[in-house]
């Protein structure tokens, strides 16, 4: 219900802004920096051992010096591992994953100060943004030198216990902000941090409890069983571990997050902002 209301309000807001907009111009830009994720295998949104690079590009339409619309395309890597945990339960759980995030995100930006790329009367501003992100992820793990996609294996019994396997295309809400600077000519530079609140708990393929290992073996094979339960203290006589069935593997009450943080460089495409009516060309907004 919250998601539908959020999207509806965002849509109505976009229409209202565009209806009263004036003095518009466009920009294209590139961005890059670091990614991170927060979930069962990394309890904080920033942990040095799980930082990876990302690259992106965007198109921005400025309605005026305060409001703009931006469409982003970002590609980055996320990962997590129990090896970095200080908790005994997590260290013994011994799970890990990595995944590429491919994201398309329409966003609304608000500049706290009047800002215009290429106009040194309005040289910088802090800003905030939000919107919608549609992203693809595909958690993987290494086992005996081979790389396995985890979602098809149903490591928590999905597909064999009556639950469907999670979808690898999901929605998220981006929330973030930064600072924009005029860099000279029609060029601008920004520093930006944006967290994404997802609606899945499976970025890391970990969410609920351990499945019945015998059923998992029969349906998905030995690799699925080995990647489902990598506990350090389990018996080597796989899959004779009935005591693991339905024991905690993750925490389904909290959803996963991922983060992009870095630098943007952008270029103005259209002419300096001006009114079409001559008496108002020098008007400041």
C-alpha atoms as a PDB file:
ATOM      1  CA  UNK A   1       0.000   0.000   0.000  1.00  0.00           C
ATOM      2  CA  UNK A   2       2.821   2.432   0.885  1.00  0.00           C
ATOM      3  CA  UNK A   3       4.552   1.734  -2.432  1.00  0.00           C
ATOM      4  CA  UNK A   4       1.452   2.464  -4.526  1.00  0.00           C
ATOM      5  CA  UNK A   5       0.736   5.678  -2.635  1.00  0.00           C
ATOM      6  CA  UNK A   6       4.367   6.746  -3.017  1.00  0.00           C
ATOM      7  CA  UNK A   7       4.341   6.188  -6.786  1.00  0.00           C
ATOM      8  CA  UNK A   8       0.989   7.975  -7.176  1.00  0.00           C
ATOM      9  CA  UNK A   9       2.136  11.031  -5.219  1.00  0.00           C
ATOM     10  CA  UNK A  10       5.398  11.133  -7.164  1.00  0.00           C
ATOM     11  CA  UNK A  11       3.514  10.976 -10.471  1.00  0.00           C
ATOM     12  CA  UNK A  12       1.077  13.747  -9.486  1.00  0.00           C
ATOM     13  CA  UNK A  13       3.972  15.888  -8.236  1.00  0.00           C
ATOM     14  CA  UNK A  14       5.851  15.427 -11.524  1.00  0.00           C
ATOM     15  CA  UNK A  15       2.831  16.484 -13.562  1.00  0.00           C
ATOM     16  CA  UNK A  16       2.231  19.543 -11.392  1.00  0.00           C
ATOM     17  CA  UNK A  17       5.835  20.696 -11.655  1.00  0.00           C
ATOM     18  CA  UNK A  18       5.951  20.222 -15.425  1.00  0.00           C
ATOM     19  CA  UNK A  19       2.686  22.124 -15.833  1.00  0.00           C
ATOM     20  CA  UNK A  20       4.075  25.289 -14.209  1.00  0.00           C
ATOM     21  CA  UNK A  21       7.675  24.957 -15.359  1.00  0.00           C
ATOM     22  CA  UNK A  22       9.636  27.586 -17.209  1.00  0.00           C
ATOM     23  CA  UNK A  23      13.210  28.361 -18.185  1.00  0.00           C
ATOM     24  CA  UNK A  24      14.131  24.750 -18.830  1.00  0.00           C
ATOM     25  CA  UNK A  25      17.350  23.138 -20.048  1.00  0.00           C
ATOM     26  CA  UNK A  26      18.896  19.681 -20.315  1.00  0.00           C
ATOM     27  CA  UNK A  27      22.147  17.991 -19.299  1.00  0.00           C
ATOM     28  CA  UNK A  28      23.873  14.678 -19.875  1.00  0.00           C
ATOM     29  CA  UNK A  29      26.442  13.263 -17.497  1.00  0.00           C
ATOM     30  CA  UNK A  30      28.636  10.424 -16.329  1.00  0.00           C
ATOM     31  CA  UNK A  31      29.132   9.214 -12.781  1.00  0.00           C
ATOM     32  CA  UNK A  32      31.229   6.707 -10.926  1.00  0.00           C
ATOM     33  CA  UNK A  33      32.348   5.736  -7.473  1.00  0.00           C
ATOM     34  CA  UNK A  34      31.702   2.941  -5.000  1.00  0.00           C
ATOM     35  CA  UNK A  35      28.885   0.538  -4.171  1.00  0.00           C
ATOM     36  CA  UNK A  36      27.936  -1.300  -1.024  1.00  0.00           C
ATOM     37  CA  UNK A  37      25.026  -3.326   0.286  1.00  0.00           C
ATOM     38  CA  UNK A  38      23.307  -3.933   3.636  1.00  0.00           C
ATOM     39  CA  UNK A  39      21.722  -7.276   4.447  1.00  0.00           C
ATOM     40  CA  UNK A  40      22.302 -10.559   6.246  1.00  0.00           C
ATOM     41  CA  UNK A  41      25.917 -10.773   5.066  1.00  0.00           C
ATOM     42  CA  UNK A  42      26.827  -7.141   5.782  1.00  0.00           C
ATOM     43  CA  UNK A  43      24.950  -5.543   8.660  1.00  0.00           C
ATOM     44  CA  UNK A  44      26.066  -1.966   7.919  1.00  0.00           C
ATOM     45  CA  UNK A  45      25.538   0.115   4.794  1.00  0.00           C
ATOM     46  CA  UNK A  46      29.279   0.758   4.532  1.00  0.00           C
ATOM     47  CA  UNK A  47      31.965  -1.794   5.315  1.00  0.00           C
ATOM     48  CA  UNK A  48      35.447  -1.418   3.764  1.00  0.00           C
ATOM     49  CA  UNK A  49      35.831  -5.124   3.004  1.00  0.00           C
ATOM     50  CA  UNK A  50      32.778  -5.129   0.718  1.00  0.00           C
ATOM     51  CA  UNK A  51      33.284  -1.937  -1.326  1.00  0.00           C
ATOM     52  CA  UNK A  52      33.245  -2.164  -5.138  1.00  0.00           C
ATOM     53  CA  UNK A  53      33.221   0.295  -8.063  1.00  0.00           C
ATOM     54  CA  UNK A  54      30.267   1.401 -10.151  1.00  0.00           C
ATOM     55  CA  UNK A  55      29.758   3.424 -13.345  1.00  0.00           C
ATOM     56  CA  UNK A  56      26.704   5.247 -14.619  1.00  0.00           C
ATOM     57  CA  UNK A  57      25.259   7.764 -17.033  1.00  0.00           C
ATOM     58  CA  UNK A  58      22.287  10.098 -16.770  1.00  0.00           C
ATOM     59  CA  UNK A  59      20.064  12.596 -18.539  1.00  0.00           C
ATOM     60  CA  UNK A  60      18.703  15.531 -16.532  1.00  0.00           C
ATOM     61  CA  UNK A  61      15.918  17.941 -17.451  1.00  0.00           C
ATOM     62  CA  UNK A  62      15.915  21.085 -15.336  1.00  0.00           C
ATOM     63  CA  UNK A  63      12.459  22.627 -14.931  1.00  0.00           C
ATOM     64  CA  UNK A  64      13.943  25.663 -13.183  1.00  0.00           C
ATOM     65  CA  UNK A  65      16.814  26.486 -10.820  1.00  0.00           C
ATOM     66  CA  UNK A  66      15.364  24.377  -7.996  1.00  0.00           C
ATOM     67  CA  UNK A  67      13.588  21.379  -9.539  1.00  0.00           C
ATOM     68  CA  UNK A  68      14.770  18.801 -12.055  1.00  0.00           C
ATOM     69  CA  UNK A  69      14.025  15.334 -13.375  1.00  0.00           C
ATOM     70  CA  UNK A  70      16.827  12.807 -13.914  1.00  0.00           C
ATOM     71  CA  UNK A  71      16.990   9.400 -15.575  1.00  0.00           C
ATOM     72  CA  UNK A  72      19.970   7.265 -14.511  1.00  0.00           C
ATOM     73  CA  UNK A  73      21.535   4.026 -15.702  1.00  0.00           C
ATOM     74  CA  UNK A  74      23.994   2.496 -13.210  1.00  0.00           C
ATOM     75  CA  UNK A  75      26.023  -0.710 -13.152  1.00  0.00           C
ATOM     76  CA  UNK A  76      27.924  -1.859 -10.073  1.00  0.00           C
ATOM     77  CA  UNK A  77      28.941  -4.849  -7.998  1.00  0.00           C
ATOM     78  CA  UNK A  78      27.870  -5.739  -4.464  1.00  0.00           C
ATOM     79  CA  UNK A  79      29.049  -8.533  -2.195  1.00  0.00           C
ATOM     80  CA  UNK A  80      28.899  -9.822   1.356  1.00  0.00           C
ATOM     81  CA  UNK A  81      30.570 -12.499   3.435  1.00  0.00           C
ATOM     82  CA  UNK A  82      30.235 -13.908   6.934  1.00  0.00           C
ATOM     83  CA  UNK A  83      34.012 -14.025   7.122  1.00  0.00           C
ATOM     84  CA  UNK A  84      33.976 -10.292   7.941  1.00  0.00           C
ATOM     85  CA  UNK A  85      31.497 -10.663  10.816  1.00  0.00           C
ATOM     86  CA  UNK A  86      32.308 -10.435  14.517  1.00  0.00           C
ATOM     87  CA  UNK A  87      29.287 -12.565  15.477  1.00  0.00           C
ATOM     88  CA  UNK A  88      29.804 -16.247  16.285  1.00  0.00           C
ATOM     89  CA  UNK A  89      26.539 -17.304  14.607  1.00  0.00           C
ATOM     90  CA  UNK A  90      27.433 -15.537  11.373  1.00  0.00           C
ATOM     91  CA  UNK A  91      31.009 -16.760  11.316  1.00  0.00           C
ATOM     92  CA  UNK A  92      29.792 -20.331  11.689  1.00  0.00           C
ATOM     93  CA  UNK A  93      27.081 -19.781   9.021  1.00  0.00           C
ATOM     94  CA  UNK A  94      29.946 -19.095   6.594  1.00  0.00           C
ATOM     95  CA  UNK A  95      27.850 -17.787   3.680  1.00  0.00           C
ATOM     96  CA  UNK A  96      28.990 -15.387   0.978  1.00  0.00           C
ATOM     97  CA  UNK A  97      27.759 -13.938  -2.315  1.00  0.00           C
ATOM     98  CA  UNK A  98      28.436 -11.361  -4.992  1.00  0.00           C
ATOM     99  CA  UNK A  99      26.190  -9.842  -7.621  1.00  0.00           C
ATOM    100  CA  UNK A 100      26.104  -7.244 -10.375  1.00  0.00           C
ATOM    101  CA  UNK A 101      23.434  -4.565  -9.974  1.00  0.00           C
ATOM    102  CA  UNK A 102      22.024  -3.055 -13.184  1.00  0.00           C
ATOM    103  CA  UNK A 103      19.706  -0.166 -12.372  1.00  0.00           C
ATOM    104  CA  UNK A 104      17.447   2.221 -14.277  1.00  0.00           C
ATOM    105  CA  UNK A 105      16.166   5.020 -12.056  1.00  0.00           C
ATOM    106  CA  UNK A 106      13.920   8.024 -12.815  1.00  0.00           C
ATOM    107  CA  UNK A 107      14.363  10.593 -10.062  1.00  0.00           C
ATOM    108  CA  UNK A 108      13.212  14.005  -8.868  1.00  0.00           C
ATOM    109  CA  UNK A 109      15.871  16.431  -7.573  1.00  0.00           C
ATOM    110  CA  UNK A 110      15.471  19.525  -5.418  1.00  0.00           C
ATOM    111  CA  UNK A 111      18.214  22.182  -5.165  1.00  0.00           C
ATOM    112  CA  UNK A 112      18.265  24.049  -1.854  1.00  0.00           C
ATOM    113  CA  UNK A 113      19.863  27.092  -3.528  1.00  0.00           C
ATOM    114  CA  UNK A 114      19.120  28.431  -7.025  1.00  0.00           C
ATOM    115  CA  UNK A 115      21.518  26.653  -9.371  1.00  0.00           C
ATOM    116  CA  UNK A 116      22.195  26.800 -13.091  1.00  0.00           C
ATOM    117  CA  UNK A 117      24.980  25.034 -14.966  1.00  0.00           C
ATOM    118  CA  UNK A 118      27.017  27.580 -16.918  1.00  0.00           C
ATOM    119  CA  UNK A 119      25.754  30.577 -14.944  1.00  0.00           C
ATOM    120  CA  UNK A 120      28.203  31.753 -12.260  1.00  0.00           C
ATOM    121  CA  UNK A 121      25.487  33.812 -10.586  1.00  0.00           C
ATOM    122  CA  UNK A 122      24.242  30.434  -9.304  1.00  0.00           C
ATOM    123  CA  UNK A 123      27.491  28.479  -8.816  1.00  0.00           C
ATOM    124  CA  UNK A 124      26.628  25.672  -6.356  1.00  0.00           C
ATOM    125  CA  UNK A 125      23.943  24.051  -4.272  1.00  0.00           C
ATOM    126  CA  UNK A 126      23.312  21.119  -1.967  1.00  0.00           C
ATOM    127  CA  UNK A 127      20.452  18.941  -3.232  1.00  0.00           C
ATOM    128  CA  UNK A 128      18.343  15.910  -2.385  1.00  0.00           C
ATOM    129  CA  UNK A 129      16.616  13.360  -4.580  1.00  0.00           C
ATOM    130  CA  UNK A 130      14.213  10.453  -4.599  1.00  0.00           C
ATOM    131  CA  UNK A 131      12.333   8.429  -7.185  1.00  0.00           C
ATOM    132  CA  UNK A 132      11.973   4.837  -8.322  1.00  0.00           C
ATOM    133  CA  UNK A 133      14.645   2.285  -9.246  1.00  0.00           C
ATOM    134  CA  UNK A 134      14.126  -0.821 -11.328  1.00  0.00           C
ATOM    135  CA  UNK A 135      17.123  -3.109 -10.943  1.00  0.00           C
ATOM    136  CA  UNK A 136      18.380  -6.558 -11.866  1.00  0.00           C
ATOM    137  CA  UNK A 137      20.540  -8.643  -9.559  1.00  0.00           C
ATOM    138  CA  UNK A 138      21.840 -12.207  -9.690  1.00  0.00           C
ATOM    139  CA  UNK A 139      23.591 -13.472  -6.529  1.00  0.00           C
ATOM    140  CA  UNK A 140      26.409 -15.938  -7.124  1.00  0.00           C
ATOM    141  CA  UNK A 141      28.870 -17.920  -5.027  1.00  0.00           C
ATOM    142  CA  UNK A 142      31.997 -19.992  -5.610  1.00  0.00           C
ATOM    143  CA  UNK A 143      32.104 -23.680  -4.733  1.00  0.00           C
ATOM    144  CA  UNK A 144      35.184 -25.823  -5.384  1.00  0.00           C
ATOM    145  CA  UNK A 145      36.420 -23.428  -8.044  1.00  0.00           C
ATOM    146  CA  UNK A 146      33.085 -23.187  -9.880  1.00  0.00           C
ATOM    147  CA  UNK A 147      30.693 -20.230  -9.969  1.00  0.00           C
ATOM    148  CA  UNK A 148      27.016 -20.935  -9.255  1.00  0.00           C
ATOM    149  CA  UNK A 149      23.975 -18.721  -9.673  1.00  0.00           C
ATOM    150  CA  UNK A 150      22.129 -19.100  -6.375  1.00  0.00           C
ATOM    151  CA  UNK A 151      18.557 -18.196  -7.303  1.00  0.00           C
ATOM    152  CA  UNK A 152      17.985 -21.205  -9.629  1.00  0.00           C
ATOM    153  CA  UNK A 153      19.217 -23.556  -6.864  1.00  0.00           C
ATOM    154  CA  UNK A 154      16.534 -22.507  -4.356  1.00  0.00           C
ATOM    155  CA  UNK A 155      18.963 -22.605  -1.431  1.00  0.00           C
ATOM    156  CA  UNK A 156      16.172 -21.971   1.092  1.00  0.00           C
ATOM    157  CA  UNK A 157      13.879 -24.532  -0.503  1.00  0.00           C
ATOM    158  CA  UNK A 158      12.164 -22.198  -2.980  1.00  0.00           C
ATOM    159  CA  UNK A 159      10.637 -24.232  -5.764  1.00  0.00           C
ATOM    160  CA  UNK A 160      10.523 -27.420  -3.677  1.00  0.00           C
ATOM    161  CA  UNK A 161       8.774 -26.298  -0.476  1.00  0.00           C
ATOM    162  CA  UNK A 162       5.753 -24.619  -2.059  1.00  0.00           C
ATOM    163  CA  UNK A 163       7.327 -21.129  -2.206  1.00  0.00           C
ATOM    164  CA  UNK A 164       8.187 -19.538  -5.534  1.00  0.00           C
ATOM    165  CA  UNK A 165      11.750 -18.567  -6.335  1.00  0.00           C
ATOM    166  CA  UNK A 166      12.357 -14.854  -5.900  1.00  0.00           C
ATOM    167  CA  UNK A 167      12.430 -12.578  -8.939  1.00  0.00           C
ATOM    168  CA  UNK A 168      15.746 -11.100  -9.995  1.00  0.00           C
ATOM    169  CA  UNK A 169      14.145  -7.871 -11.261  1.00  0.00           C
ATOM    170  CA  UNK A 170      12.901  -5.734  -8.386  1.00  0.00           C
ATOM    171  CA  UNK A 171      11.893  -2.210  -7.351  1.00  0.00           C
ATOM    172  CA  UNK A 172      13.687   0.087  -4.928  1.00  0.00           C
ATOM    173  CA  UNK A 173      13.274   3.627  -3.577  1.00  0.00           C
ATOM    174  CA  UNK A 174      16.408   5.793  -3.989  1.00  0.00           C
ATOM    175  CA  UNK A 175      17.017   8.326  -1.216  1.00  0.00           C
ATOM    176  CA  UNK A 176      20.038  10.576  -1.276  1.00  0.00           C
ATOM    177  CA  UNK A 177      21.678  13.907  -1.862  1.00  0.00           C
ATOM    178  CA  UNK A 178      24.850  15.724  -2.724  1.00  0.00           C
ATOM    179  CA  UNK A 179      26.427  18.980  -3.842  1.00  0.00           C
ATOM    180  CA  UNK A 180      26.607  20.466  -7.361  1.00  0.00           C
ATOM    181  CA  UNK A 181      29.315  22.885  -8.520  1.00  0.00           C
ATOM    182  CA  UNK A 182      29.669  24.945 -11.688  1.00  0.00           C
ATOM    183  CA  UNK A 183      33.047  23.927 -13.153  1.00  0.00           C
ATOM    184  CA  UNK A 184      33.297  26.465 -15.978  1.00  0.00           C
ATOM    185  CA  UNK A 185      31.612  26.848 -19.336  1.00  0.00           C
ATOM    186  CA  UNK A 186      28.691  24.447 -19.616  1.00  0.00           C
ATOM    187  CA  UNK A 187      30.266  21.851 -17.315  1.00  0.00           C
ATOM    188  CA  UNK A 188      29.286  20.938 -13.775  1.00  0.00           C
ATOM    189  CA  UNK A 189      30.615  18.549 -11.121  1.00  0.00           C
ATOM    190  CA  UNK A 190      28.725  16.858  -8.316  1.00  0.00           C
ATOM    191  CA  UNK A 191      29.382  14.695  -5.275  1.00  0.00           C
ATOM    192  CA  UNK A 192      26.499  12.339  -4.529  1.00  0.00           C
ATOM    193  CA  UNK A 193      25.457   9.582  -2.127  1.00  0.00           C
ATOM    194  CA  UNK A 194      22.285   7.579  -2.703  1.00  0.00           C
ATOM    195  CA  UNK A 195      20.930   4.603  -0.763  1.00  0.00           C
ATOM    196  CA  UNK A 196      18.340   2.270  -2.295  1.00  0.00           C
ATOM    197  CA  UNK A 197      15.666   0.737  -0.077  1.00  0.00           C
ATOM    198  CA  UNK A 198      14.675  -2.466  -1.879  1.00  0.00           C
ATOM    199  CA  UNK A 199      11.536  -4.585  -1.540  1.00  0.00           C
ATOM    200  CA  UNK A 200      13.398  -7.875  -1.514  1.00  0.00           C
ATOM    201  CA  UNK A 201      15.400  -9.674   1.166  1.00  0.00           C
ATOM    202  CA  UNK A 202      17.285 -11.766  -1.362  1.00  0.00           C
ATOM    203  CA  UNK A 203      20.031  -9.506  -2.730  1.00  0.00           C
ATOM    204  CA  UNK A 204      22.352 -11.909  -0.883  1.00  0.00           C
ATOM    205  CA  UNK A 205      20.195 -15.075  -1.348  1.00  0.00           C
ATOM    206  CA  UNK A 206      19.685 -15.206   2.441  1.00  0.00           C
ATOM    207  CA  UNK A 207      16.364 -14.489   4.150  1.00  0.00           C
ATOM    208  CA  UNK A 208      14.564 -17.209   6.121  1.00  0.00           C
ATOM    209  CA  UNK A 209      15.462 -20.707   7.395  1.00  0.00           C
ATOM    210  CA  UNK A 210      17.357 -23.783   6.264  1.00  0.00           C
ATOM    211  CA  UNK A 211      15.269 -26.120   4.083  1.00  0.00           C
ATOM    212  CA  UNK A 212      14.932 -29.887   4.298  1.00  0.00           C
ATOM    213  CA  UNK A 213      18.286 -30.975   2.899  1.00  0.00           C
ATOM    214  CA  UNK A 214      17.001 -34.316   1.625  1.00  0.00           C
ATOM    215  CA  UNK A 215      14.219 -32.642  -0.358  1.00  0.00           C
ATOM    216  CA  UNK A 216      16.632 -30.011  -1.666  1.00  0.00           C
ATOM    217  CA  UNK A 217      19.054 -32.738  -2.766  1.00  0.00           C
ATOM    218  CA  UNK A 218      16.320 -34.612  -4.621  1.00  0.00           C
ATOM    219  CA  UNK A 219      15.043 -31.503  -6.405  1.00  0.00           C
ATOM    220  CA  UNK A 220      18.114 -29.336  -7.044  1.00  0.00           C
ATOM    221  CA  UNK A 221      21.164 -31.552  -6.580  1.00  0.00           C
ATOM    222  CA  UNK A 222      24.298 -31.706  -4.479  1.00  0.00           C
ATOM    223  CA  UNK A 223      25.538 -28.188  -5.312  1.00  0.00           C
ATOM    224  CA  UNK A 224      22.305 -26.660  -3.986  1.00  0.00           C
ATOM    225  CA  UNK A 225      22.700 -28.533  -0.686  1.00  0.00           C
ATOM    226  CA  UNK A 226      26.357 -27.543  -0.354  1.00  0.00           C
ATOM    227  CA  UNK A 227      25.606 -23.855  -1.025  1.00  0.00           C
ATOM    228  CA  UNK A 228      22.537 -23.851   1.218  1.00  0.00           C
ATOM    229  CA  UNK A 229      24.369 -25.007   4.323  1.00  0.00           C
ATOM    230  CA  UNK A 230      28.024 -24.030   4.519  1.00  0.00           C
ATOM    231  CA  UNK A 231      28.178 -24.139   8.306  1.00  0.00           C
ATOM    232  CA  UNK A 232      31.644 -24.737   9.708  1.00  0.00           C
ATOM    233  CA  UNK A 233      30.480 -27.167  12.404  1.00  0.00           C
ATOM    234  CA  UNK A 234      28.190 -29.366  10.300  1.00  0.00           C
ATOM    235  CA  UNK A 235      28.783 -33.042   9.659  1.00  0.00           C
ATOM    236  CA  UNK A 236      30.724 -33.985   6.542  1.00  0.00           C
ATOM    237  CA  UNK A 237      28.240 -36.792   5.957  1.00  0.00           C
ATOM    238  CA  UNK A 238      26.113 -34.620   3.699  1.00  0.00           C
ATOM    239  CA  UNK A 239      23.162 -34.479   3.680  1.00  0.00           C
ATOM    240  CA  UNK A 240      22.667 -36.266   7.016  1.00  0.00           C
ATOM    241  CA  UNK A 241      21.980 -33.043   8.928  1.00  0.00           C
ATOM    242  CA  UNK A 242      18.259 -33.188   9.824  1.00  0.00           C
ATOM    243  CA  UNK A 243      18.905 -30.940  12.839  1.00  0.00           C
ATOM    244  CA  UNK A 244      19.519 -27.932  10.542  1.00  0.00           C
ATOM    245  CA  UNK A 245      15.981 -28.059   9.087  1.00  0.00           C
ATOM    246  CA  UNK A 246      14.011 -24.841   9.801  1.00  0.00           C
ATOM    247  CA  UNK A 247      16.798 -23.303  11.849  1.00  0.00           C
ATOM    248  CA  UNK A 248      17.532 -19.619  11.315  1.00  0.00           C
ATOM    249  CA  UNK A 249      19.500 -18.751   8.189  1.00  0.00           C
ATOM    250  CA  UNK A 250      18.516 -15.089   7.750  1.00  0.00           C
ATOM    251  CA  UNK A 251      16.126 -12.406   8.970  1.00  0.00           C
ATOM    252  CA  UNK A 252      13.058 -12.026   6.755  1.00  0.00           C
ATOM    253  CA  UNK A 253      11.738  -9.064   8.764  1.00  0.00           C
ATOM    254  CA  UNK A 254      14.211  -6.609   7.229  1.00  0.00           C
ATOM    255  CA  UNK A 255      14.717  -5.833   3.547  1.00  0.00           C
ATOM    256  CA  UNK A 256      18.094  -5.391   1.879  1.00  0.00           C
ATOM    257  CA  UNK A 257      19.649  -2.083   0.810  1.00  0.00           C
ATOM    258  CA  UNK A 258      22.348  -1.063  -1.651  1.00  0.00           C
ATOM    259  CA  UNK A 259      24.220   2.200  -2.082  1.00  0.00           C
ATOM    260  CA  UNK A 260      25.917   4.218  -4.828  1.00  0.00           C
ATOM    261  CA  UNK A 261      28.316   7.016  -3.850  1.00  0.00           C
ATOM    262  CA  UNK A 262      30.660   8.960  -6.056  1.00  0.00           C
ATOM    263  CA  UNK A 263      31.318  11.863  -8.402  1.00  0.00           C
ATOM    264  CA  UNK A 264      29.227  13.150 -11.310  1.00  0.00           C
ATOM    265  CA  UNK A 265      30.420  15.184 -14.318  1.00  0.00           C
ATOM    266  CA  UNK A 266      27.734  16.679 -16.526  1.00  0.00           C
ATOM    267  CA  UNK A 267      27.382  18.910 -19.590  1.00  0.00           C
ATOM    268  CA  UNK A 268      24.688  21.395 -20.465  1.00  0.00           C
ATOM    269  CA  UNK A 269      22.998  20.741 -23.797  1.00  0.00           C
ATOM    270  CA  UNK A 270      20.714  23.747 -24.381  1.00  0.00           C
ATOM    271  CA  UNK A 271      21.183  27.510 -24.303  1.00  0.00           C
ATOM    272  CA  UNK A 272      21.224  29.635 -21.161  1.00  0.00           C
ATOM    273  CA  UNK A 273      17.901  29.830 -19.330  1.00  0.00           C
ATOM    274  CA  UNK A 274      15.701  32.603 -20.592  1.00  0.00           C
ATOM    275  CA  UNK A 275      12.062  33.541 -20.932  1.00  0.00           C
ATOM    276  CA  UNK A 276      10.396  33.578 -24.298  1.00  0.00           C
ATOM    277  CA  UNK A 277       8.841  36.980 -23.500  1.00  0.00           C
ATOM    278  CA  UNK A 278      11.470  39.719 -23.977  1.00  0.00           C
ATOM    279  CA  UNK A 279      10.448  41.977 -21.035  1.00  0.00           C
ATOM    280  CA  UNK A 280      11.207  39.093 -18.649  1.00  0.00           C
ATOM    281  CA  UNK A 281      14.535  37.832 -20.034  1.00  0.00           C
ATOM    282  CA  UNK A 282      16.516  39.259 -17.101  1.00  0.00           C
ATOM    283  CA  UNK A 283      14.122  38.026 -14.483  1.00  0.00           C
ATOM    284  CA  UNK A 284      15.739  36.008 -11.663  1.00  0.00           C
ATOM    285  CA  UNK A 285      13.939  33.068 -10.106  1.00  0.00           C
END
